[in-house]
Amino acid sequence: MGATKTDHFTEQQNAMATLAKALGHPARIAIIDYLLKVNACICGDIVNELPLAQPTVSQHLKELKNAGIIKGEIEGNSICYCLNMDTLQKLAHYCQSIISTQQTQNNSCC
C-alpha cells in the first residue's frame, strides 16, 4: 500500500497540523474560551452557552478531544470537560519557537 501524504512530514509537523485543524473552527475556539472561564464543565453547559444544537457541540467536543486539546471524565451520566494543559504547552512551545526564530533572524521580509 502507498504512503499517505502525512508520512512525508515529521511527527511534530503532523501533530501541529492536527492541533491547527482542531482549532480551525470558531465554535471550537468558543468552547476553549468557555472552558478557560469555568475551568471544567458538562457538555450541556456548553450547549447553553453556544448558539448551536447539542449534537453539533458534541461533534466539536469530539474533534477537540481527538486532538488532545481537551480531556473528558465521566461523571454519572455526563462527561465533564477540561483543557489538556500538556497539549496546550506543546502548542505554546511551538508558537514560541516560531517567534524566537523570527526575532533571532531579524527577518525584514515583506
PDB file of N, CA and C in Angstrom:
ATOM      1  N   MET A   1       0.842  -1.172   0.000  1.00  0.00           N
ATOM      2  CA  MET A   1       0.000   0.000   0.000  1.00  0.00           C
ATOM      3  C   MET A   1       0.895   1.246   0.000  1.00  0.00           C
ATOM      4  N   GLY A   2       0.495   2.283  -0.685  1.00  0.00           N
ATOM      5  CA  GLY A   2       1.270   3.503  -0.799  1.00  0.00           C
ATOM      6  C   GLY A   2       1.269   4.313   0.484  1.00  0.00           C
ATOM      7  N   ALA A   3       2.244   5.191   0.569  1.00  0.00           N
ATOM      8  CA  ALA A   3       2.367   6.061   1.741  1.00  0.00           C
ATOM      9  C   ALA A   3       1.334   7.180   1.663  1.00  0.00           C
ATOM     10  N   THR A   4       0.823   7.565   2.832  1.00  0.00           N
ATOM     11  CA  THR A   4      -0.090   8.708   2.861  1.00  0.00           C
ATOM     12  C   THR A   4       0.735   9.988   2.818  1.00  0.00           C
ATOM     13  N   LYS A   5       0.114  11.071   2.492  1.00  0.00           N
ATOM     14  CA  LYS A   5       0.827  12.340   2.403  1.00  0.00           C
ATOM     15  C   LYS A   5       1.435  12.754   3.729  1.00  0.00           C
ATOM     16  N   THR A   6       0.802  12.375   4.836  1.00  0.00           N
ATOM     17  CA  THR A   6       1.350  12.756   6.144  1.00  0.00           C
ATOM     18  C   THR A   6       2.638  12.004   6.468  1.00  0.00           C
ATOM     19  N   ASP A   7       2.891  10.884   5.797  1.00  0.00           N
ATOM     20  CA  ASP A   7       4.122  10.129   6.036  1.00  0.00           C
ATOM     21  C   ASP A   7       5.372  10.895   5.615  1.00  0.00           C
ATOM     22  N   HIS A   8       5.195  11.910   4.808  1.00  0.00           N
ATOM     23  CA  HIS A   8       6.337  12.677   4.311  1.00  0.00           C
ATOM     24  C   HIS A   8       6.758  13.791   5.258  1.00  0.00           C
ATOM     25  N   PHE A   9       6.074  13.928   6.398  1.00  0.00           N
ATOM     26  CA  PHE A   9       6.363  15.008   7.328  1.00  0.00           C
ATOM     27  C   PHE A   9       6.742  14.444   8.684  1.00  0.00           C
ATOM     28  N   THR A  10       7.385  15.271   9.502  1.00  0.00           N
ATOM     29  CA  THR A  10       7.827  14.818  10.816  1.00  0.00           C
ATOM     30  C   THR A  10       6.642  14.617  11.747  1.00  0.00           C
ATOM     31  N   GLU A  11       6.907  13.924  12.820  1.00  0.00           N
ATOM     32  CA  GLU A  11       5.880  13.697  13.831  1.00  0.00           C
ATOM     33  C   GLU A  11       5.382  15.021  14.405  1.00  0.00           C
ATOM     34  N   GLN A  12       6.324  15.948  14.642  1.00  0.00           N
ATOM     35  CA  GLN A  12       5.938  17.259  15.184  1.00  0.00           C
ATOM     36  C   GLN A  12       5.088  18.039  14.177  1.00  0.00           C
ATOM     37  N   GLN A  13       5.451  18.003  12.910  1.00  0.00           N
ATOM     38  CA  GLN A  13       4.675  18.709  11.898  1.00  0.00           C
ATOM     39  C   GLN A  13       3.261  18.152  11.811  1.00  0.00           C
ATOM     40  N   ASN A  14       3.121  16.850  11.855  1.00  0.00           N
ATOM     41  CA  ASN A  14       1.795  16.234  11.827  1.00  0.00           C
ATOM     42  C   ASN A  14       1.000  16.575  13.090  1.00  0.00           C
ATOM     43  N   ALA A  15       1.667  16.577  14.238  1.00  0.00           N
ATOM     44  CA  ALA A  15       0.985  16.898  15.494  1.00  0.00           C
ATOM     45  C   ALA A  15       0.489  18.345  15.491  1.00  0.00           C
ATOM     46  N   MET A  16       1.321  19.267  15.043  1.00  0.00           N
ATOM     47  CA  MET A  16       0.918  20.675  14.999  1.00  0.00           C
ATOM     48  C   MET A  16      -0.202  20.894  13.981  1.00  0.00           C
ATOM     49  N   ALA A  17      -0.169  20.163  12.871  1.00  0.00           N
ATOM     50  CA  ALA A  17      -1.235  20.268  11.870  1.00  0.00           C
ATOM     51  C   ALA A  17      -2.558  19.760  12.440  1.00  0.00           C
ATOM     52  N   THR A  18      -2.511  18.699  13.229  1.00  0.00           N
ATOM     53  CA  THR A  18      -3.713  18.172  13.864  1.00  0.00           C
ATOM     54  C   THR A  18      -4.301  19.197  14.833  1.00  0.00           C
ATOM     55  N   LEU A  19      -3.429  19.830  15.619  1.00  0.00           N
ATOM     56  CA  LEU A  19      -3.894  20.860  16.551  1.00  0.00           C
ATOM     57  C   LEU A  19      -4.478  22.054  15.804  1.00  0.00           C
ATOM     58  N   ALA A  20      -3.785  22.488  14.757  1.00  0.00           N
ATOM     59  CA  ALA A  20      -4.261  23.636  13.983  1.00  0.00           C
ATOM     60  C   ALA A  20      -5.618  23.343  13.347  1.00  0.00           C
ATOM     61  N   LYS A  21      -5.777  22.138  12.850  1.00  0.00           N
ATOM     62  CA  LYS A  21      -7.059  21.756  12.242  1.00  0.00           C
ATOM     63  C   LYS A  21      -8.169  21.772  13.288  1.00  0.00           C
ATOM     64  N   ALA A  22      -7.882  21.249  14.474  1.00  0.00           N
ATOM     65  CA  ALA A  22      -8.884  21.231  15.541  1.00  0.00           C
ATOM     66  C   ALA A  22      -9.242  22.645  15.989  1.00  0.00           C
ATOM     67  N   LEU A  23      -8.301  23.562  15.916  1.00  0.00           N
ATOM     68  CA  LEU A  23      -8.549  24.948  16.313  1.00  0.00           C
ATOM     69  C   LEU A  23      -9.152  25.773  15.183  1.00  0.00           C
ATOM     70  N   GLY A  24      -9.329  25.168  14.026  1.00  0.00           N
ATOM     71  CA  GLY A  24      -9.733  25.892  12.832  1.00  0.00           C
ATOM     72  C   GLY A  24     -11.223  26.158  12.693  1.00  0.00           C
ATOM     73  N   HIS A  25     -11.959  26.162  13.773  1.00  0.00           N
ATOM     74  CA  HIS A  25     -13.387  26.486  13.701  1.00  0.00           C
ATOM     75  C   HIS A  25     -13.729  27.413  14.870  1.00  0.00           C
ATOM     76  N   PRO A  26     -14.464  28.489  14.609  1.00  0.00           N
ATOM     77  CA  PRO A  26     -14.763  29.439  15.691  1.00  0.00           C
ATOM     78  C   PRO A  26     -15.561  28.830  16.846  1.00  0.00           C
ATOM     79  N   ALA A  27     -16.371  27.821  16.587  1.00  0.00           N
ATOM     80  CA  ALA A  27     -17.113  27.177  17.681  1.00  0.00           C
ATOM     81  C   ALA A  27     -16.151  26.490  18.640  1.00  0.00           C
ATOM     82  N   ARG A  28     -15.094  25.909  18.116  1.00  0.00           N
ATOM     83  CA  ARG A  28     -14.116  25.226  18.975  1.00  0.00           C
ATOM     84  C   ARG A  28     -13.324  26.238  19.794  1.00  0.00           C
ATOM     85  N   ILE A  29     -13.035  27.374  19.202  1.00  0.00           N
ATOM     86  CA  ILE A  29     -12.363  28.444  19.951  1.00  0.00           C
ATOM     87  C   ILE A  29     -13.295  28.937  21.056  1.00  0.00           C
ATOM     88  N   ALA A  30     -14.585  29.069  20.754  1.00  0.00           N
ATOM     89  CA  ALA A  30     -15.560  29.487  21.766  1.00  0.00           C
ATOM     90  C   ALA A  30     -15.643  28.467  22.901  1.00  0.00           C
ATOM     91  N   ILE A  31     -15.562  27.193  22.571  1.00  0.00           N
ATOM     92  CA  ILE A  31     -15.568  26.152  23.601  1.00  0.00           C
ATOM     93  C   ILE A  31     -14.342  26.284  24.491  1.00  0.00           C
ATOM     94  N   ILE A  32     -13.186  26.493  23.897  1.00  0.00           N
ATOM     95  CA  ILE A  32     -11.955  26.670  24.678  1.00  0.00           C
ATOM     96  C   ILE A  32     -12.069  27.903  25.563  1.00  0.00           C
ATOM     97  N   ASP A  33     -12.570  29.014  25.002  1.00  0.00           N
ATOM     98  CA  ASP A  33     -12.751  30.235  25.796  1.00  0.00           C
ATOM     99  C   ASP A  33     -13.675  29.979  26.988  1.00  0.00           C
ATOM    100  N   TYR A  34     -14.744  29.233  26.747  1.00  0.00           N
ATOM    101  CA  TYR A  34     -15.679  28.922  27.828  1.00  0.00           C
ATOM    102  C   TYR A  34     -15.009  28.051  28.895  1.00  0.00           C
ATOM    103  N   LEU A  35     -14.252  27.054  28.472  1.00  0.00           N
ATOM    104  CA  LEU A  35     -13.557  26.203  29.438  1.00  0.00           C
ATOM    105  C   LEU A  35     -12.516  26.986  30.232  1.00  0.00           C
ATOM    106  N   LEU A  36     -11.900  27.975  29.604  1.00  0.00           N
ATOM    107  CA  LEU A  36     -10.968  28.842  30.331  1.00  0.00           C
ATOM    108  C   LEU A  36     -11.692  29.621  31.425  1.00  0.00           C
ATOM    109  N   LYS A  37     -12.906  30.042  31.113  1.00  0.00           N
ATOM    110  CA  LYS A  37     -13.685  30.849  32.044  1.00  0.00           C
ATOM    111  C   LYS A  37     -14.200  30.027  33.223  1.00  0.00           C
ATOM    112  N   VAL A  38     -14.648  28.800  32.958  1.00  0.00           N
ATOM    113  CA  VAL A  38     -15.270  27.993  34.015  1.00  0.00           C
ATOM    114  C   VAL A  38     -14.386  26.880  34.547  1.00  0.00           C
ATOM    115  N   ASN A  39     -13.248  26.634  33.911  1.00  0.00           N
ATOM    116  CA  ASN A  39     -12.253  25.627  34.301  1.00  0.00           C
ATOM    117  C   ASN A  39     -12.661  24.203  33.927  1.00  0.00           C
ATOM    118  N   ALA A  40     -13.888  23.794  34.146  1.00  0.00           N
ATOM    119  CA  ALA A  40     -14.378  22.470  33.756  1.00  0.00           C
ATOM    120  C   ALA A  40     -15.887  22.540  33.673  1.00  0.00           C
ATOM    121  N   CYS A  41     -16.480  21.755  32.783  1.00  0.00           N
ATOM    122  CA  CYS A  41     -17.934  21.803  32.671  1.00  0.00           C
ATOM    123  C   CYS A  41     -18.481  20.565  31.987  1.00  0.00           C
ATOM    124  N   ILE A  42     -19.783  20.460  32.009  1.00  0.00           N
ATOM    125  CA  ILE A  42     -20.532  19.386  31.378  1.00  0.00           C
ATOM    126  C   ILE A  42     -20.950  19.857  29.985  1.00  0.00           C
ATOM    127  N   CYS A  43     -21.086  18.944  29.049  1.00  0.00           N
ATOM    128  CA  CYS A  43     -21.469  19.277  27.682  1.00  0.00           C
ATOM    129  C   CYS A  43     -22.710  20.161  27.640  1.00  0.00           C
ATOM    130  N   GLY A  44     -23.705  19.874  28.473  1.00  0.00           N
ATOM    131  CA  GLY A  44     -24.934  20.663  28.495  1.00  0.00           C
ATOM    132  C   GLY A  44     -24.694  22.125  28.808  1.00  0.00           C
ATOM    133  N   ASP A  45     -23.694  22.400  29.654  1.00  0.00           N
ATOM    134  CA  ASP A  45     -23.345  23.788  29.972  1.00  0.00           C
ATOM    135  C   ASP A  45     -22.856  24.516  28.728  1.00  0.00           C
ATOM    136  N   ILE A  46     -22.067  23.820  27.914  1.00  0.00           N
ATOM    137  CA  ILE A  46     -21.533  24.410  26.682  1.00  0.00           C
ATOM    138  C   ILE A  46     -22.665  24.647  25.697  1.00  0.00           C
ATOM    139  N   VAL A  47     -23.585  23.705  25.617  1.00  0.00           N
ATOM    140  CA  VAL A  47     -24.743  23.850  24.726  1.00  0.00           C
ATOM    141  C   VAL A  47     -25.531  25.101  25.098  1.00  0.00           C
ATOM    142  N   ASN A  48     -25.682  25.353  26.392  1.00  0.00           N
ATOM    143  CA  ASN A  48     -26.407  26.544  26.846  1.00  0.00           C
ATOM    144  C   ASN A  48     -25.650  27.826  26.523  1.00  0.00           C
ATOM    145  N   GLU A  49     -24.349  27.733  26.391  1.00  0.00           N
ATOM    146  CA  GLU A  49     -23.502  28.907  26.139  1.00  0.00           C
ATOM    147  C   GLU A  49     -23.418  29.264  24.659  1.00  0.00           C
ATOM    148  N   LEU A  50     -23.463  28.271  23.786  1.00  0.00           N
ATOM    149  CA  LEU A  50     -23.256  28.496  22.353  1.00  0.00           C
ATOM    150  C   LEU A  50     -24.575  28.437  21.582  1.00  0.00           C
ATOM    151  N   PRO A  51     -24.641  29.135  20.460  1.00  0.00           N
ATOM    152  CA  PRO A  51     -25.865  29.103  19.649  1.00  0.00           C
ATOM    153  C   PRO A  51     -25.887  27.907  18.700  1.00  0.00           C
ATOM    154  N   LEU A  52     -25.582  26.725  19.232  1.00  0.00           N
ATOM    155  CA  LEU A  52     -25.508  25.510  18.419  1.00  0.00           C
ATOM    156  C   LEU A  52     -26.316  24.402  19.072  1.00  0.00           C
ATOM    157  N   ALA A  53     -26.768  23.469  18.262  1.00  0.00           N
ATOM    158  CA  ALA A  53     -27.501  22.310  18.770  1.00  0.00           C
ATOM    159  C   ALA A  53     -26.562  21.371  19.517  1.00  0.00           C
ATOM    160  N   GLN A  54     -27.124  20.587  20.409  1.00  0.00           N
ATOM    161  CA  GLN A  54     -26.330  19.672  21.224  1.00  0.00           C
ATOM    162  C   GLN A  54     -25.503  18.707  20.380  1.00  0.00           C
ATOM    163  N   PRO A  55     -26.043  18.100  19.304  1.00  0.00           N
ATOM    164  CA  PRO A  55     -25.207  17.195  18.502  1.00  0.00           C
ATOM    165  C   PRO A  55     -24.016  17.913  17.854  1.00  0.00           C
ATOM    166  N   THR A  56     -24.212  19.162  17.477  1.00  0.00           N
ATOM    167  CA  THR A  56     -23.127  19.939  16.869  1.00  0.00           C
ATOM    168  C   THR A  56     -22.040  20.223  17.894  1.00  0.00           C
ATOM    169  N   VAL A  57     -22.440  20.617  19.089  1.00  0.00           N
ATOM    170  CA  VAL A  57     -21.468  20.858  20.163  1.00  0.00           C
ATOM    171  C   VAL A  57     -20.723  19.568  20.477  1.00  0.00           C
ATOM    172  N   SER A  58     -21.430  18.461  20.543  1.00  0.00           N
ATOM    173  CA  SER A  58     -20.781  17.170  20.817  1.00  0.00           C
ATOM    174  C   SER A  58     -19.745  16.827  19.757  1.00  0.00           C
ATOM    175  N   GLN A  59     -20.045  17.125  18.496  1.00  0.00           N
ATOM    176  CA  GLN A  59     -19.087  16.860  17.416  1.00  0.00           C
ATOM    177  C   GLN A  59     -17.838  17.728  17.570  1.00  0.00           C
ATOM    178  N   HIS A  60     -18.028  18.997  17.924  1.00  0.00           N
ATOM    179  CA  HIS A  60     -16.876  19.881  18.138  1.00  0.00           C
ATOM    180  C   HIS A  60     -16.051  19.415  19.343  1.00  0.00           C
ATOM    181  N   LEU A  61     -16.716  18.989  20.394  1.00  0.00           N
ATOM    182  CA  LEU A  61     -16.008  18.453  21.556  1.00  0.00           C
ATOM    183  C   LEU A  61     -15.204  17.213  21.177  1.00  0.00           C
ATOM    184  N   LYS A  62     -15.783  16.373  20.348  1.00  0.00           N
ATOM    185  CA  LYS A  62     -15.090  15.161  19.884  1.00  0.00           C
ATOM    186  C   LYS A  62     -13.812  15.533  19.130  1.00  0.00           C
ATOM    187  N   GLU A  63     -13.894  16.520  18.254  1.00  0.00           N
ATOM    188  CA  GLU A  63     -12.712  16.953  17.492  1.00  0.00           C
ATOM    189  C   GLU A  63     -11.628  17.499  18.424  1.00  0.00           C
ATOM    190  N   LEU A  64     -12.030  18.311  19.396  1.00  0.00           N
ATOM    191  CA  LEU A  64     -11.062  18.859  20.350  1.00  0.00           C
ATOM    192  C   LEU A  64     -10.445  17.749  21.202  1.00  0.00           C
ATOM    193  N   LYS A  65     -11.252  16.779  21.582  1.00  0.00           N
ATOM    194  CA  LYS A  65     -10.748  15.675  22.396  1.00  0.00           C
ATOM    195  C   LYS A  65      -9.812  14.781  21.580  1.00  0.00           C
ATOM    196  N   ASN A  66     -10.171  14.483  20.330  1.00  0.00           N
ATOM    197  CA  ASN A  66      -9.310  13.656  19.477  1.00  0.00           C
ATOM    198  C   ASN A  66      -7.959  14.309  19.237  1.00  0.00           C
ATOM    199  N   ALA A  67      -7.930  15.631  19.189  1.00  0.00           N
ATOM    200  CA  ALA A  67      -6.669  16.348  19.003  1.00  0.00           C
ATOM    201  C   ALA A  67      -5.892  16.470  20.315  1.00  0.00           C
ATOM    202  N   GLY A  68      -6.525  16.107  21.424  1.00  0.00           N
ATOM    203  CA  GLY A  68      -5.858  16.170  22.722  1.00  0.00           C
ATOM    204  C   GLY A  68      -5.928  17.531  23.377  1.00  0.00           C
ATOM    205  N   ILE A  69      -6.720  18.435  22.848  1.00  0.00           N
ATOM    206  CA  ILE A  69      -6.806  19.788  23.400  1.00  0.00           C
ATOM    207  C   ILE A  69      -7.646  19.813  24.672  1.00  0.00           C
ATOM    208  N   ILE A  70      -8.648  18.941  24.737  1.00  0.00           N
ATOM    209  CA  ILE A  70      -9.450  18.827  25.949  1.00  0.00           C
ATOM    210  C   ILE A  70      -9.443  17.379  26.422  1.00  0.00           C
ATOM    211  N   LYS A  71      -9.798  17.211  27.687  1.00  0.00           N
ATOM    212  CA  LYS A  71      -9.962  15.888  28.275  1.00  0.00           C
ATOM    213  C   LYS A  71     -11.387  15.800  28.793  1.00  0.00           C
ATOM    214  N   GLY A  72     -11.905  14.597  28.879  1.00  0.00           N
ATOM    215  CA  GLY A  72     -13.247  14.398  29.414  1.00  0.00           C
ATOM    216  C   GLY A  72     -13.271  13.242  30.386  1.00  0.00           C
ATOM    217  N   GLU A  73     -13.910  13.481  31.522  1.00  0.00           N
ATOM    218  CA  GLU A  73     -14.067  12.431  32.527  1.00  0.00           C
ATOM    219  C   GLU A  73     -15.548  12.182  32.751  1.00  0.00           C
ATOM    220  N   ILE A  74     -15.927  10.926  32.835  1.00  0.00           N
ATOM    221  CA  ILE A  74     -17.322  10.574  33.055  1.00  0.00           C
ATOM    222  C   ILE A  74     -17.685  10.869  34.502  1.00  0.00           C
ATOM    223  N   GLU A  75     -18.767  11.626  34.672  1.00  0.00           N
ATOM    224  CA  GLU A  75     -19.308  11.927  35.996  1.00  0.00           C
ATOM    225  C   GLU A  75     -20.791  11.581  35.963  1.00  0.00           C
ATOM    226  N   GLY A  76     -21.125  10.408  36.457  1.00  0.00           N
ATOM    227  CA  GLY A  76     -22.514   9.951  36.402  1.00  0.00           C
ATOM    228  C   GLY A  76     -22.930   9.697  34.969  1.00  0.00           C
ATOM    229  N   ASN A  77     -23.979  10.379  34.522  1.00  0.00           N
ATOM    230  CA  ASN A  77     -24.467  10.225  33.152  1.00  0.00           C
ATOM    231  C   ASN A  77     -23.876  11.258  32.206  1.00  0.00           C
ATOM    232  N   SER A  78     -22.978  12.086  32.694  1.00  0.00           N
ATOM    233  CA  SER A  78     -22.417  13.179  31.893  1.00  0.00           C
ATOM    234  C   SER A  78     -20.904  13.047  31.781  1.00  0.00           C
ATOM    235  N   ILE A  79     -20.344  13.850  30.896  1.00  0.00           N
ATOM    236  CA  ILE A  79     -18.889  13.939  30.769  1.00  0.00           C
ATOM    237  C   ILE A  79     -18.484  15.355  31.134  1.00  0.00           C
ATOM    238  N   CYS A  80     -17.539  15.474  32.050  1.00  0.00           N
ATOM    239  CA  CYS A  80     -17.014  16.770  32.468  1.00  0.00           C
ATOM    240  C   CYS A  80     -15.747  17.040  31.657  1.00  0.00           C
ATOM    241  N   TYR A  81     -15.719  18.160  30.950  1.00  0.00           N
ATOM    242  CA  TYR A  81     -14.602  18.506  30.077  1.00  0.00           C
ATOM    243  C   TYR A  81     -13.710  19.560  30.715  1.00  0.00           C
ATOM    244  N   CYS A  82     -12.408  19.451  30.435  1.00  0.00           N
ATOM    245  CA  CYS A  82     -11.445  20.468  30.855  1.00  0.00           C
ATOM    246  C   CYS A  82     -10.318  20.519  29.820  1.00  0.00           C
ATOM    247  N   LEU A  83      -9.535  21.576  29.881  1.00  0.00           N
ATOM    248  CA  LEU A  83      -8.423  21.739  28.944  1.00  0.00           C
ATOM    249  C   LEU A  83      -7.276  20.800  29.308  1.00  0.00           C
ATOM    250  N   ASN A  84      -6.582  20.298  28.301  1.00  0.00           N
ATOM    251  CA  ASN A  84      -5.427  19.430  28.500  1.00  0.00           C
ATOM    252  C   ASN A  84      -4.177  20.305  28.428  1.00  0.00           C
ATOM    253  N   MET A  85      -3.641  20.632  29.582  1.00  0.00           N
ATOM    254  CA  MET A  85      -2.518  21.562  29.649  1.00  0.00           C
ATOM    255  C   MET A  85      -1.264  21.022  28.964  1.00  0.00           C
ATOM    256  N   ASP A  86      -1.057  19.717  28.954  1.00  0.00           N
ATOM    257  CA  ASP A  86       0.117  19.150  28.282  1.00  0.00           C
ATOM    258  C   ASP A  86       0.107  19.498  26.793  1.00  0.00           C
ATOM    259  N   THR A  87      -1.039  19.328  26.162  1.00  0.00           N
ATOM    260  CA  THR A  87      -1.151  19.638  24.732  1.00  0.00           C
ATOM    261  C   THR A  87      -1.019  21.132  24.492  1.00  0.00           C
ATOM    262  N   LEU A  88      -1.650  21.936  25.342  1.00  0.00           N
ATOM    263  CA  LEU A  88      -1.573  23.388  25.162  1.00  0.00           C
ATOM    264  C   LEU A  88      -0.142  23.896  25.356  1.00  0.00           C
ATOM    265  N   GLN A  89       0.604  23.252  26.247  1.00  0.00           N
ATOM    266  CA  GLN A  89       2.010  23.632  26.444  1.00  0.00           C
ATOM    267  C   GLN A  89       2.833  23.315  25.194  1.00  0.00           C
ATOM    268  N   LYS A  90       2.568  22.178  24.560  1.00  0.00           N
ATOM    269  CA  LYS A  90       3.268  21.834  23.318  1.00  0.00           C
ATOM    270  C   LYS A  90       2.972  22.853  22.229  1.00  0.00           C
ATOM    271  N   LEU A  91       1.714  23.256  22.126  1.00  0.00           N
ATOM    272  CA  LEU A  91       1.322  24.262  21.147  1.00  0.00           C
ATOM    273  C   LEU A  91       1.996  25.600  21.449  1.00  0.00           C
ATOM    274  N   ALA A  92       2.011  25.980  22.705  1.00  0.00           N
ATOM    275  CA  ALA A  92       2.653  27.239  23.106  1.00  0.00           C
ATOM    276  C   ALA A  92       4.152  27.206  22.815  1.00  0.00           C
ATOM    277  N   HIS A  93       4.774  26.074  23.101  1.00  0.00           N
ATOM    278  CA  HIS A  93       6.208  25.938  22.842  1.00  0.00           C
ATOM    279  C   HIS A  93       6.501  26.067  21.342  1.00  0.00           C
ATOM    280  N   TYR A  94       5.689  25.443  20.515  1.00  0.00           N
ATOM    281  CA  TYR A  94       5.883  25.520  19.068  1.00  0.00           C
ATOM    282  C   TYR A  94       5.725  26.960  18.585  1.00  0.00           C
ATOM    283  N   CYS A  95       4.665  27.626  19.041  1.00  0.00           N
ATOM    284  CA  CYS A  95       4.455  29.025  18.635  1.00  0.00           C
ATOM    285  C   CYS A  95       5.593  29.919  19.128  1.00  0.00           C
ATOM    286  N   GLN A  96       6.053  29.675  20.347  1.00  0.00           N
ATOM    287  CA  GLN A  96       7.162  30.472  20.881  1.00  0.00           C
ATOM    288  C   GLN A  96       8.441  30.235  20.087  1.00  0.00           C
ATOM    289  N   SER A  97       8.660  29.012  19.614  1.00  0.00           N
ATOM    290  CA  SER A  97       9.866  28.745  18.817  1.00  0.00           C
ATOM    291  C   SER A  97       9.806  29.489  17.481  1.00  0.00           C
ATOM    292  N   ILE A  98       8.624  29.629  16.908  1.00  0.00           N
ATOM    293  CA  ILE A  98       8.479  30.407  15.678  1.00  0.00           C
ATOM    294  C   ILE A  98       8.825  31.871  15.948  1.00  0.00           C
ATOM    295  N   ILE A  99       8.278  32.417  17.011  1.00  0.00           N
ATOM    296  CA  ILE A  99       8.533  33.819  17.355  1.00  0.00           C
ATOM    297  C   ILE A  99      10.007  34.040  17.649  1.00  0.00           C
ATOM    298  N   SER A 100      10.607  33.160  18.421  1.00  0.00           N
ATOM    299  CA  SER A 100      12.028  33.299  18.768  1.00  0.00           C
ATOM    300  C   SER A 100      12.916  33.238  17.537  1.00  0.00           C
ATOM    301  N   THR A 101      12.616  32.317  16.644  1.00  0.00           N
ATOM    302  CA  THR A 101      13.404  32.184  15.417  1.00  0.00           C
ATOM    303  C   THR A 101      13.285  33.442  14.568  1.00  0.00           C
ATOM    304  N   GLN A 102      12.085  33.961  14.421  1.00  0.00           N
ATOM    305  CA  GLN A 102      11.878  35.182  13.634  1.00  0.00           C
ATOM    306  C   GLN A 102      12.614  36.365  14.250  1.00  0.00           C
ATOM    307  N   GLN A 103      12.574  36.483  15.571  1.00  0.00           N
ATOM    308  CA  GLN A 103      13.244  37.584  16.254  1.00  0.00           C
ATOM    309  C   GLN A 103      14.762  37.457  16.108  1.00  0.00           C
ATOM    310  N   THR A 104      15.258  36.239  16.197  1.00  0.00           N
ATOM    311  CA  THR A 104      16.701  35.996  16.061  1.00  0.00           C
ATOM    312  C   THR A 104      17.178  36.336  14.666  1.00  0.00           C
ATOM    313  N   GLN A 105      16.381  35.947  13.676  1.00  0.00           N
ATOM    314  CA  GLN A 105      16.778  36.187  12.290  1.00  0.00           C
ATOM    315  C   GLN A 105      16.570  37.646  11.870  1.00  0.00           C
ATOM    316  N   ASN A 106      15.808  38.394  12.676  1.00  0.00           N
ATOM    317  CA  ASN A 106      15.509  39.784  12.369  1.00  0.00           C
ATOM    318  C   ASN A 106      15.065  39.914  10.921  1.00  0.00           C
ATOM    319  N   ASN A 107      14.152  39.053  10.568  1.00  0.00           N
ATOM    320  CA  ASN A 107      13.677  38.961   9.178  1.00  0.00           C
ATOM    321  C   ASN A 107      12.889  40.204   8.802  1.00  0.00           C
ATOM    322  N   SER A 108      13.337  40.887   7.768  1.00  0.00           N
ATOM    323  CA  SER A 108      12.645  42.091   7.316  1.00  0.00           C
ATOM    324  C   SER A 108      11.885  41.834   5.999  1.00  0.00           C
ATOM    325  N   CYS A 109      11.562  40.591   5.752  1.00  0.00           N
ATOM    326  CA  CYS A 109      10.829  40.221   4.550  1.00  0.00           C
ATOM    327  C   CYS A 109       9.414  40.798   4.593  1.00  0.00           C
ATOM    328  N   CYS A 110       8.959  41.256   3.466  1.00  0.00           N
ATOM    329  CA  CYS A 110       7.588  41.770   3.300  1.00  0.00           C
ATOM    330  C   CYS A 110       7.316  42.880   4.264  1.00  0.00           C
TER     331      CYS A 110
END
